[in-house]
Every structure is written in structure tokens, then in C-alpha cells.
Amino acid sequence: MAEESWHAARLIPTSGINGADEQERRATSALLAVMSAVREFGRALTQPYGAPAGTVQTFIEVPFTLGDGKSFPDGLIRVARGQRQWTALVEVKTGTNELQAEQLERYLDIAKEQGFDALITISNEIPPMAGQHPTRVDKRKLKKVALHHIPWSEVLTVAVLQKEYRGVADPDQAWILGELIRYLEHPKSGALEFSDMGPSWVPVRESVSAGTLRPTDATVPEAAGRFDALVRYAGLRLGRQLGTDVVPALTRREQTEPLVRTQALVGQLATTSTMTASLRIPGAVGTLSVTADLRAARITCHVDVEAPREGRPTTRVNWLVRQLRDAPETVRLESWAAHARGAGSAELLRVVRDNPAALIGDPAKELRTFRVALTSTAGTKRGRGRGAFIDSVLDAIDDFYAQVIQNLKPWMPAPPRMRAAEETEPVAAALVSTALSSQDAPEPAASAVEQGAA
């Protein structure tokens, strides 16, 4: 038998998973076991929630008594360092299973009674922004116990970043973390990708096409939230490929008051049939913005770039074009001059390559900002696959980063050069003066001893 048909032994096998309960139990046990075995990974997942940098202990299906009944949370994490101890209960869902408010509130009561610090939930549900929880619970139960949520896609992203980019000191622990990554990437693990725009997607899209969408429609906030969740997922996905944290670009107010962001997106969708979100990529020339136009069925990604602060307008345009030598000719370029009002100049890259002046409105004005944009067709289906909206957004973001953003560098002025020493012409010997007045200083007077000797 050829060795190519042999299956490698895996630390966490996907074979033998029968049903949702077994899938959930195996995923929970695998994750918690690797958190305790790989110190750097356990630290990366618990530190954001207030855990100290100590030894991570993990347990599954720990029994607790609350009132007259018993409860079995999926897991428990304990981190101890010196006299300080941090403990969190864990509730896990896999596949399409969703978290239940009644169950979470019961676990919050247990955590409060036991003096635990937090309840951490893990599922395939992705809130629109980090810090939000996908399940509404009684806020009074959060006074003593914190409630945190980690999507499975974020767990996978943290694992990949730690192993491939940030590093694991022990080679055996790195191999263990790699086994968890392989398991979570397998379809049978139950750690699914973002796969559904939600039940409100089709009604919203149809209302946009008919021109009847209103901001007060009950379906609009859900569709807007799913779009933000999709862009957040796209950032996690892109971050795994780049080895860095790619996060939504939100204002401080939007981060502290998520409703402000939702209301703004609802208003934009109802008035312009578009939704816009941005991703902040460390080291990139600017934020990557993506706009979905539901009426035109188009996805547009763009980045704003500051123009050089010196040189003629054509020189500044050529500086940008040179960096886009491998970009598609359908990329759209826009330019704005300093103190200009209204729209700037816009033209396709293939035109600007041959005629840089096409991007210059008034040669007498100084160009200050460029916008580089790429438009593609948007899918309409709410799920995944060919013709799906989700895939069209993910592909548009990945392609725009690969073809445009990663090749752009911000302009930097040339470093100042040292002033060269002035060269002086030699003076002819005949012109050298021997008069006393030409001496640099008077001769020192002879001392009394010298005079007596004379």
C-alpha cells in the first residue's frame, strides 16, 4: 500500500464525532487542554480579560449546585500568580448552536455565588464589534461578574498569530498548538466561518431594490449589525494571513456606545442604500474602507493616501502611479487639492499611467490627498458560495489589500544633507605678508631672567 494513502496520527482527531454534544465536548476539552499546556497561548486568551500572568489550570464540566438543581458549565479556567487568583466559567457552542440567555444567567449566578471573576462564552456568533456580547442578559447580573465572548474565528486567529508570528518558546508546545489549529480548521470541529447574513438580509435587499426601505424598519438594524460583523470577521481572517491584529476602525464614542455606530449605519443604508466600514491594519499607508452598495450590487474598497509635500503636481501623481505598477488598470484614482471645495479629479489608472495630467484639475494648486479605489460585483445570496454577498466582500478586501495597499508606502521627505566644507584657493608665497600687523597675536614679552641673560 502506498504511504500517500496513510493518515497521520493526530493529537486531537476529528474522526468519531457523533452529534452536536460530542462535537461541543471535544472542542471544549481540546481548547482548554491546549490553553493550560501552551503558556503563551493561554496567556494570550486570558490576559485581555484581567487574568494575571500566571499558571493556567483548566477543567471541563465542573458540577455546581444552585438552589435545588445542579449545573454543569462546559469548563472552568483558573489563573494564579502569587496570592492573586482569577477564575472564569466557560460556556461553549459549536456549529450553528446559539447561546441561551437563561443558561448564561444561571452561570452568572453560580459565578457570583462562588466569587468567580467572569463568564466566558465561545461560539460561532460574531458581534459587530469587540466587547459586545451576542446574547442579551439581565444587566443586574453583571455587577459582580464580567461577561465576555470570543468567536471561534478569533480563537483560531489568536492561535495562528501566536504560533506562526509571535512564537512559542518550547518546540513541543508549538507542535501541540499546531494540532489545535489543524483541528479548528477542520469542518467537523464545529468552529465554522462566518456563513450567514441573517434572516433580515433578503427582506432588506428587496426593500432597497424597490426603493421602500425606511430607517424604522425592524429588519434594518439586524442587517447593519451583520455587515459590521462580516467586516470584523474579514479583519480576523486577513490578520491570520498577515500575522498582525487587523481590527475595525471605530471612533472612541462608537467603541463605548455601540448603538451610535448602529444608528449611523442604519441611517446610511436607508438614505443611500450603502453601508461602509473600515479596517485598521498596522503598518499600512491608511485604513482600508469597504462600501457595499446594495442598489447597484457593487463592493468598493478604497484607501486615502497623503500626497508628497514637495514637487510639481505631475511629480506627485507619478510618485503614486509608480507604486501601483502591479495594480489592475481598473483601479480608480482621485485627487484633492489644498483648500479646494467640492469633488476632486478622478480617472482610471490606465489613463493616468499614460497622462498624469488627467488627475490634475488646477496645476496652480497643490495636491494634498489621493484616493485609490477598486470596485467589484457584489453577490446577493445571504449564505456562502458562488453569488453570495459574504464571499464577494471577503474577496474584495483580500484582493484590494494584495493588489494595492501592501504595495503603497507613505511619502517621506529626503533627509537633509550636510553642508560641504568650502574649498579655499592657495595663496601665492609672494603675497604672504610678513608685517607685524599681519600676525595672529603679539609675541610674548621676554621675562626678566631672559633680559639679564641677554
Protein backbone atom coordinates (compact mmCIF):
# COMPACT_ATOMS: atom_id res chain seq x y z
CA MET A 1 0.00 0.00 0.00
CA ALA A 2 1.36 3.46 -0.93
CA GLU A 3 2.26 5.66 2.01
CA GLU A 4 0.41 8.57 0.40
CA SER A 5 -2.87 6.95 1.50
CA TRP A 6 -1.83 6.65 5.14
CA HIS A 7 -3.38 9.03 7.69
CA ALA A 8 -1.05 10.76 10.12
CA ALA A 9 -1.85 10.28 13.81
CA ARG A 10 -3.34 13.40 15.30
CA LEU A 11 -3.30 14.57 18.89
CA ILE A 12 -6.86 15.88 18.51
CA PRO A 13 -8.62 13.70 15.89
CA THR A 14 -11.79 14.76 14.12
CA SER A 15 -12.87 11.17 13.48
CA GLY A 16 -15.53 9.69 15.73
CA ILE A 17 -17.50 12.90 16.29
CA ASN A 18 -21.13 11.83 16.55
CA GLY A 19 -23.63 14.62 17.07
CA ALA A 20 -23.53 18.18 18.40
CA ASP A 21 -22.91 17.19 22.02
CA GLU A 22 -19.79 15.19 21.18
CA GLN A 23 -18.58 17.98 18.88
CA GLU A 24 -19.02 20.58 21.62
CA ARG A 25 -17.40 18.43 24.31
CA ARG A 26 -14.36 17.63 22.18
CA ALA A 27 -13.85 21.24 21.08
CA THR A 28 -14.08 22.44 24.68
CA SER A 29 -11.67 19.84 26.01
CA ALA A 30 -9.17 20.40 23.20
CA LEU A 31 -9.15 24.18 23.60
CA LEU A 32 -8.87 24.22 27.39
CA ALA A 33 -6.20 21.50 27.43
CA VAL A 34 -4.01 23.42 24.96
CA MET A 35 -4.53 26.65 26.93
CA SER A 36 -3.01 25.01 30.00
CA ALA A 37 -0.26 23.22 28.04
CA VAL A 38 0.94 26.17 25.93
CA ARG A 39 1.73 29.02 28.28
CA GLU A 40 1.88 31.77 25.63
CA PHE A 41 -1.48 30.75 24.11
CA GLY A 42 -3.22 30.56 27.47
CA ARG A 43 -1.86 33.97 28.36
CA ALA A 44 -2.98 35.49 25.04
CA LEU A 45 -6.58 34.35 25.58
CA THR A 46 -6.93 35.27 29.27
CA GLN A 47 -4.87 38.43 29.64
CA PRO A 48 -7.39 40.72 27.85
CA TYR A 49 -9.99 39.82 30.48
CA GLY A 50 -7.93 40.69 33.53
CA ALA A 51 -6.17 37.42 34.33
CA PRO A 52 -2.66 37.67 35.80
CA ALA A 53 0.40 36.29 34.04
CA GLY A 54 0.44 33.03 35.96
CA THR A 55 -0.12 29.31 35.67
CA VAL A 56 -3.28 28.38 33.74
CA GLN A 57 -5.38 25.50 35.05
CA THR A 58 -8.41 24.26 33.11
CA PHE A 59 -11.28 21.87 33.89
CA ILE A 60 -14.34 20.64 31.96
CA GLU A 61 -17.93 20.03 33.04
CA VAL A 62 -17.42 21.18 36.63
CA PRO A 63 -20.57 20.48 38.73
CA PHE A 64 -22.15 23.26 40.78
CA THR A 65 -25.29 23.36 42.91
CA LEU A 66 -27.57 26.36 42.58
CA GLY A 67 -30.79 26.25 44.55
CA ASP A 68 -32.33 22.80 44.22
CA GLY A 69 -30.62 21.88 40.94
CA LYS A 70 -27.19 21.06 39.61
CA SER A 71 -25.47 22.79 36.71
CA PHE A 72 -22.50 21.71 34.63
CA PRO A 73 -20.76 24.60 32.83
CA ASP A 74 -18.68 23.37 29.92
CA GLY A 75 -15.44 24.46 31.51
CA LEU A 76 -13.55 26.45 34.12
CA ILE A 77 -10.29 28.42 33.81
CA ARG A 78 -8.17 29.36 36.81
CA VAL A 79 -5.05 31.52 36.63
CA ALA A 80 -2.95 32.01 39.77
CA ARG A 81 0.10 34.15 40.43
CA GLY A 82 1.31 34.56 43.97
CA GLN A 83 -1.65 35.42 46.18
CA ARG A 84 -3.78 36.60 43.27
CA GLN A 85 -6.26 34.23 41.62
CA TRP A 86 -8.58 34.76 38.65
CA THR A 87 -11.35 32.27 37.81
CA ALA A 88 -13.82 32.15 34.92
CA LEU A 89 -16.57 29.75 33.93
CA VAL A 90 -16.72 28.78 30.25
CA GLU A 91 -19.76 28.06 28.08
CA VAL A 92 -19.16 26.70 24.56
CA LYS A 93 -21.35 26.27 21.49
CA THR A 94 -20.29 24.78 18.14
CA GLY A 95 -21.85 24.64 14.70
CA THR A 96 -24.96 26.77 14.35
CA ASN A 97 -25.97 26.42 18.01
CA GLU A 98 -26.56 29.75 19.73
CA LEU A 99 -26.02 30.83 23.31
CA GLN A 100 -29.13 30.88 25.53
CA ALA A 101 -29.80 33.81 27.87
CA GLU A 102 -31.43 31.66 30.58
CA GLN A 103 -28.41 29.34 30.73
CA LEU A 104 -25.94 32.22 30.83
CA GLU A 105 -27.82 33.97 33.62
CA ARG A 106 -27.75 30.76 35.68
CA TYR A 107 -23.99 30.52 35.21
CA LEU A 108 -23.59 34.19 36.16
CA ASP A 109 -25.43 33.44 39.41
CA ILE A 110 -23.10 30.49 40.07
CA ALA A 111 -20.04 32.64 39.39
CA LYS A 112 -21.30 35.32 41.77
CA GLU A 113 -22.03 32.79 44.50
CA GLN A 114 -18.60 31.20 44.12
CA GLY A 115 -16.76 34.53 43.97
CA PHE A 116 -15.53 33.95 40.41
CA ASP A 117 -14.44 36.81 38.19
CA ALA A 118 -16.02 36.14 34.81
CA LEU A 119 -18.10 34.00 32.47
CA ILE A 120 -16.53 33.47 29.03
CA THR A 121 -18.65 32.26 26.14
CA ILE A 122 -17.33 30.78 22.89
CA SER A 123 -19.47 30.21 19.80
CA ASN A 124 -19.63 30.95 16.08
CA GLU A 125 -21.68 34.07 16.73
CA ILE A 126 -19.69 37.23 15.87
CA PRO A 127 -20.89 40.51 17.41
CA PRO A 128 -20.50 43.65 15.25
CA MET A 129 -17.61 44.87 17.40
CA ALA A 130 -15.26 43.55 20.05
CA GLY A 131 -16.59 43.88 23.59
CA GLN A 132 -20.20 43.30 22.62
CA HIS A 133 -21.99 40.09 23.55
CA PRO A 134 -24.32 38.33 21.10
CA THR A 135 -26.81 37.39 23.84
CA ARG A 136 -28.80 39.83 25.92
CA VAL A 137 -28.80 39.07 29.62
CA ASP A 138 -30.08 40.83 32.72
CA LYS A 139 -27.56 43.63 33.31
CA ARG A 140 -28.09 43.40 37.06
CA LYS A 141 -26.28 40.07 36.99
CA LEU A 142 -23.16 41.76 35.60
CA LYS A 143 -22.45 43.92 38.64
CA LYS A 144 -20.15 41.36 40.28
CA VAL A 145 -19.26 39.09 37.33
CA ALA A 146 -17.93 40.11 33.92
CA LEU A 147 -19.36 38.54 30.75
CA HIS A 148 -17.02 38.09 27.77
CA HIS A 149 -17.46 36.50 24.36
CA ILE A 150 -14.85 35.02 21.98
CA PRO A 151 -15.92 33.84 18.50
CA TRP A 152 -14.29 30.62 17.35
CA SER A 153 -12.77 32.55 14.44
CA GLU A 154 -11.00 34.80 16.95
CA VAL A 155 -9.74 31.79 18.91
CA LEU A 156 -8.26 30.42 15.68
CA THR A 157 -6.73 33.80 14.83
CA VAL A 158 -5.05 34.09 18.25
CA ALA A 159 -3.68 30.54 17.88
CA VAL A 160 -2.24 31.20 14.41
CA LEU A 161 -0.70 34.54 15.39
CA GLN A 162 0.90 33.00 18.47
CA LYS A 163 2.37 30.01 16.68
CA GLU A 164 3.39 31.49 13.34
CA TYR A 165 4.35 35.06 14.22
CA ARG A 166 4.71 35.79 17.94
CA GLY A 167 6.30 32.47 18.72
CA VAL A 168 6.16 29.66 21.29
CA ALA A 169 9.37 29.08 23.23
CA ASP A 170 9.05 25.30 23.65
CA PRO A 171 9.06 23.30 20.34
CA ASP A 172 6.81 20.59 21.78
CA GLN A 173 4.28 23.19 22.92
CA ALA A 174 4.40 24.78 19.47
CA TRP A 175 3.55 21.40 17.93
CA ILE A 176 0.63 20.99 20.35
CA LEU A 177 -0.71 24.42 19.37
CA GLY A 178 -0.36 23.43 15.71
CA GLU A 179 -2.53 20.38 16.37
CA LEU A 180 -5.25 22.61 17.81
CA ILE A 181 -5.07 24.85 14.74
CA ARG A 182 -5.46 21.86 12.41
CA TYR A 183 -8.43 20.66 14.44
CA LEU A 184 -10.23 24.02 14.46
CA GLU A 185 -9.69 24.42 10.71
CA HIS A 186 -11.41 21.07 10.03
CA PRO A 187 -15.13 21.33 9.11
CA LYS A 188 -16.05 18.60 11.60
CA SER A 189 -14.71 20.60 14.56
CA GLY A 190 -17.78 22.84 14.59
CA ALA A 191 -15.67 26.00 14.55
CA LEU A 192 -17.39 27.46 11.49
CA GLU A 193 -16.56 30.51 9.44
CA PHE A 194 -18.94 33.45 9.04
CA SER A 195 -21.59 31.83 6.87
CA ASP A 196 -24.91 33.68 7.06
CA MET A 197 -26.08 37.30 6.73
CA GLY A 198 -29.15 36.51 8.80
CA PRO A 199 -32.88 36.26 8.11
CA SER A 200 -33.24 40.03 7.63
CA TRP A 201 -30.83 40.16 4.70
CA VAL A 202 -33.21 39.18 1.89
CA PRO A 203 -36.09 41.49 3.02
CA VAL A 204 -33.66 44.43 3.34
CA ARG A 205 -32.13 43.79 -0.08
CA GLU A 206 -35.57 43.53 -1.68
CA SER A 207 -36.71 46.77 0.01
CA VAL A 208 -33.61 48.54 -1.28
CA SER A 209 -34.32 47.36 -4.83
CA ALA A 210 -37.93 48.52 -4.55
CA GLY A 211 -36.93 51.87 -3.00
CA THR A 212 -39.16 51.28 0.03
CA LEU A 213 -36.55 50.85 2.79
CA ARG A 214 -37.09 53.02 5.86
CA PRO A 215 -34.77 53.52 8.86
CA THR A 216 -37.62 52.49 11.15
CA ASP A 217 -37.96 49.04 9.54
CA ALA A 218 -37.26 46.35 12.13
CA THR A 219 -35.01 44.42 9.74
CA VAL A 220 -32.53 47.24 9.09
CA PRO A 221 -30.58 47.22 12.41
CA GLU A 222 -30.01 43.46 12.16
CA ALA A 223 -28.71 43.72 8.59
CA ALA A 224 -26.43 46.60 9.57
CA GLY A 225 -25.10 44.63 12.54
CA ARG A 226 -24.41 41.59 10.37
CA PHE A 227 -22.45 43.76 7.93
CA ASP A 228 -20.26 45.07 10.75
CA ALA A 229 -19.82 41.50 11.99
CA LEU A 230 -18.79 40.41 8.48
CA VAL A 231 -16.15 43.15 8.24
CA ARG A 232 -14.85 42.21 11.70
CA TYR A 233 -14.59 38.59 10.57
CA ALA A 234 -12.79 39.73 7.41
CA GLY A 235 -10.27 41.52 9.64
CA LEU A 236 -9.67 38.38 11.71
CA ARG A 237 -9.25 36.38 8.51
CA LEU A 238 -6.85 38.90 6.98
CA GLY A 239 -4.92 39.15 10.25
CA ARG A 240 -4.20 35.41 10.17
CA GLN A 241 -2.56 35.86 6.77
CA LEU A 242 -0.60 38.97 7.71
CA GLY A 243 0.44 37.93 11.20
CA THR A 244 -0.95 41.03 12.89
CA ASP A 245 -4.10 42.31 14.58
CA VAL A 246 -6.48 43.76 11.99
CA VAL A 247 -9.37 45.47 13.76
CA PRO A 248 -12.36 47.62 12.74
CA ALA A 249 -11.52 51.32 12.67
CA LEU A 250 -14.03 52.84 15.10
CA THR A 251 -14.19 56.15 16.92
CA ARG A 252 -13.84 56.19 20.68
CA ARG A 253 -17.51 57.01 21.02
CA GLU A 254 -18.52 54.11 18.76
CA GLN A 255 -16.47 51.75 20.91
CA THR A 256 -18.06 52.90 24.16
CA GLU A 257 -21.56 53.36 22.71
CA PRO A 258 -22.16 50.66 20.05
CA LEU A 259 -25.69 51.99 19.46
CA VAL A 260 -24.19 55.15 17.92
CA ARG A 261 -22.44 53.10 15.26
CA THR A 262 -25.56 51.03 14.55
CA GLN A 263 -27.76 54.12 14.20
CA ALA A 264 -25.30 55.77 11.80
CA LEU A 265 -25.13 52.64 9.64
CA VAL A 266 -28.93 52.30 9.65
CA GLY A 267 -29.31 55.89 8.52
CA GLN A 268 -26.73 55.42 5.76
CA LEU A 269 -28.41 52.27 4.49
CA ALA A 270 -31.88 53.83 4.48
CA THR A 271 -30.83 57.04 2.71
CA THR A 272 -28.10 55.93 0.29
CA SER A 273 -28.60 52.13 0.07
CA THR A 274 -24.95 51.74 1.10
CA MET A 275 -23.03 50.51 4.15
CA THR A 276 -19.43 51.48 4.92
CA ALA A 277 -16.91 50.07 7.39
CA SER A 278 -13.14 50.33 7.79
CA LEU A 279 -10.26 48.13 8.94
CA ARG A 280 -7.11 49.37 10.65
CA ILE A 281 -4.02 47.43 9.52
CA PRO A 282 -0.76 48.07 11.41
CA GLY A 283 1.91 49.49 9.12
CA ALA A 284 -0.46 50.17 6.22
CA VAL A 285 -0.49 53.54 4.48
CA GLY A 286 -4.08 54.11 5.63
CA THR A 287 -7.27 52.42 6.75
CA LEU A 288 -8.96 50.01 4.34
CA SER A 289 -12.55 51.15 3.80
CA VAL A 290 -15.19 48.94 2.21
CA THR A 291 -18.54 50.20 0.92
CA ALA A 292 -21.37 47.88 -0.07
CA ASP A 293 -23.90 49.42 -2.48
CA LEU A 294 -26.96 47.17 -2.31
CA ARG A 295 -28.85 49.00 -5.06
CA ALA A 296 -26.02 48.84 -7.59
CA ALA A 297 -24.76 45.46 -6.31
CA ARG A 298 -21.20 46.78 -6.07
CA ILE A 299 -18.41 46.46 -3.50
CA THR A 300 -15.86 49.28 -3.39
CA CYS A 301 -12.66 49.21 -1.34
CA HIS A 302 -10.57 52.35 -1.01
CA VAL A 303 -7.65 53.85 0.89
CA ASP A 304 -6.72 57.52 1.26
CA VAL A 305 -3.06 58.45 0.79
CA GLU A 306 -1.39 61.76 1.60
CA ALA A 307 0.37 63.26 -1.42
CA PRO A 308 4.06 64.29 -1.25
CA ARG A 309 4.60 67.75 0.21
CA GLU A 310 7.09 68.83 -2.44
CA GLY A 311 7.41 68.70 -6.21
CA ARG A 312 5.17 69.66 -9.11
CA PRO A 313 1.65 68.18 -9.37
CA THR A 314 2.74 65.73 -12.10
CA THR A 315 5.67 64.63 -9.93
CA ARG A 316 3.29 63.84 -7.09
CA VAL A 317 0.96 61.89 -9.36
CA ASN A 318 3.85 59.89 -10.80
CA TRP A 319 5.01 59.06 -7.26
CA LEU A 320 1.68 57.31 -6.69
CA VAL A 321 1.48 55.65 -10.11
CA ARG A 322 4.95 54.11 -9.75
CA GLN A 323 3.78 52.26 -6.62
CA LEU A 324 0.76 50.88 -8.48
CA ARG A 325 2.70 49.21 -11.29
CA ASP A 326 1.17 45.80 -10.48
CA ALA A 327 -2.36 47.07 -9.70
CA PRO A 328 -5.27 46.40 -12.10
CA GLU A 329 -5.81 49.10 -14.68
CA THR A 330 -9.43 49.41 -13.48
CA VAL A 331 -8.28 50.96 -10.19
CA ARG A 332 -9.83 54.42 -9.80
CA LEU A 333 -7.65 57.31 -8.67
CA GLU A 334 -8.96 60.54 -7.17
CA SER A 335 -7.09 63.66 -6.12
CA TRP A 336 -7.88 66.69 -3.99
CA ALA A 337 -6.03 69.98 -3.90
CA ALA A 338 -5.37 72.03 -0.80
CA HIS A 339 -8.27 74.30 0.23
CA ALA A 340 -10.35 73.03 -2.68
CA ARG A 341 -14.11 72.73 -2.42
CA GLY A 342 -16.30 70.05 -3.95
CA ALA A 343 -15.23 66.91 -5.76
CA GLY A 344 -11.67 66.44 -6.91
CA SER A 345 -10.37 64.96 -10.13
CA ALA A 346 -10.93 61.24 -10.84
CA GLU A 347 -9.65 58.91 -13.54
CA LEU A 348 -8.81 55.23 -14.07
CA LEU A 349 -5.27 54.05 -13.52
CA ARG A 350 -4.80 53.04 -17.17
CA VAL A 351 -5.44 56.65 -18.23
CA VAL A 352 -3.25 58.22 -15.55
CA ARG A 353 -0.35 55.93 -16.46
CA ASP A 354 -0.24 57.48 -19.92
CA ASN A 355 -1.28 61.01 -18.92
CA PRO A 356 -0.57 62.05 -15.30
CA ALA A 357 -2.11 65.45 -16.01
CA ALA A 358 -5.53 63.79 -16.22
CA LEU A 359 -5.57 63.71 -12.42
CA ILE A 360 -4.69 67.39 -12.05
CA GLY A 361 -7.58 69.82 -12.01
CA ASP A 362 -5.72 73.11 -11.50
CA PRO A 363 -1.92 73.00 -11.98
CA ALA A 364 -1.58 76.11 -9.82
CA LYS A 365 -3.00 74.37 -6.76
CA GLU A 366 -1.09 71.99 -4.51
CA LEU A 367 -2.24 68.35 -4.49
CA ARG A 368 -2.72 67.15 -0.91
CA THR A 369 -4.61 63.82 -0.95
CA PHE A 370 -5.11 60.81 -3.21
CA ARG A 371 -7.77 58.12 -3.02
CA VAL A 372 -7.16 54.68 -4.53
CA ALA A 373 -10.32 52.61 -5.06
CA LEU A 374 -11.27 49.29 -6.63
CA THR A 375 -14.84 48.20 -7.38
CA SER A 376 -16.17 44.67 -7.87
CA THR A 377 -19.53 42.95 -8.18
CA ALA A 378 -21.45 42.17 -5.00
CA GLY A 379 -23.21 38.88 -4.50
CA THR A 380 -26.82 38.75 -3.39
CA LYS A 381 -27.22 35.44 -1.54
CA ARG A 382 -27.28 35.51 2.26
CA GLY A 383 -25.14 32.38 2.70
CA ARG A 384 -21.75 31.28 1.35
CA GLY A 385 -20.67 30.09 -2.07
CA ARG A 386 -20.90 31.37 -5.59
CA GLY A 387 -23.01 34.51 -5.90
CA ALA A 388 -23.00 35.10 -2.12
CA PHE A 389 -22.63 38.54 -0.59
CA ILE A 390 -20.24 37.27 2.11
CA ASP A 391 -17.76 35.81 -0.37
CA SER A 392 -17.84 38.91 -2.55
CA VAL A 393 -16.92 41.14 0.41
CA LEU A 394 -14.16 38.82 1.65
CA ASP A 395 -12.66 38.51 -1.82
CA ALA A 396 -12.84 42.27 -2.41
CA ILE A 397 -10.99 43.04 0.84
CA ASP A 398 -8.30 40.40 0.28
CA ASP A 399 -7.74 41.40 -3.37
CA PHE A 400 -7.55 45.11 -2.60
CA TYR A 401 -5.00 44.59 0.13
CA ALA A 402 -2.88 42.25 -2.03
CA GLN A 403 -3.02 44.34 -5.21
CA VAL A 404 -2.97 47.86 -3.77
CA ILE A 405 -2.39 48.52 -0.07
CA GLN A 406 0.57 46.24 0.56
CA ASN A 407 2.46 47.98 -2.26
CA LEU A 408 1.87 51.54 -1.03
CA LYS A 409 4.31 53.40 1.19
CA PRO A 410 3.78 56.84 2.72
CA TRP A 411 5.81 59.71 1.32
CA MET A 412 8.87 60.71 3.30
CA PRO A 413 10.93 63.84 2.64
CA ALA A 414 14.56 63.32 1.71
CA PRO A 415 16.87 63.60 4.73
CA PRO A 416 18.79 66.89 4.97
CA ARG A 417 22.34 66.74 3.66
CA MET A 418 25.39 68.05 5.48
CA ARG A 419 26.85 71.32 4.16
CA ALA A 420 30.03 70.69 2.28
CA ALA A 421 33.18 72.48 3.53
CA GLU A 422 34.11 75.46 1.36
CA GLU A 423 37.30 74.98 -0.61
CA THR A 424 39.77 77.92 -0.44
CA GLU A 425 42.34 78.63 -3.14
CA PRO A 426 46.00 78.54 -2.02
CA VAL A 427 47.70 81.97 -1.63
CA ALA A 428 50.92 82.58 -3.52
CA ALA A 429 54.06 82.89 -1.35
CA ALA A 430 54.81 86.35 -2.76
CA LEU A 431 51.51 87.61 -1.45
CA VAL A 432 52.03 86.40 2.08
CA SER A 433 52.61 89.38 4.40
CA THR A 434 55.43 89.34 6.96
CA ALA A 435 54.48 92.59 8.67
CA LEU A 436 53.84 92.54 12.41
CA SER A 437 50.32 93.75 11.76
CA SER A 438 49.57 90.53 9.93
CA GLN A 439 50.48 88.27 12.86
CA ASP A 440 47.71 86.44 14.67
CA ALA A 441 48.87 87.69 18.10
CA PRO A 442 51.72 89.74 19.60
CA GLU A 443 54.89 87.95 20.64
CA PRO A 444 55.02 87.32 24.43
CA ALA A 445 57.28 89.81 26.31
CA ALA A 446 60.70 88.47 27.43
CA SER A 447 60.99 87.72 31.10
CA ALA A 448 63.46 89.48 33.41
CA VAL A 449 65.64 86.41 33.52
CA GLU A 450 65.86 86.36 29.74
CA GLN A 451 66.73 90.07 29.64
CA GLY A 452 69.57 89.60 32.18
CA ALA A 453 70.97 86.75 30.20
CA ALA A 454 70.98 88.94 27.15
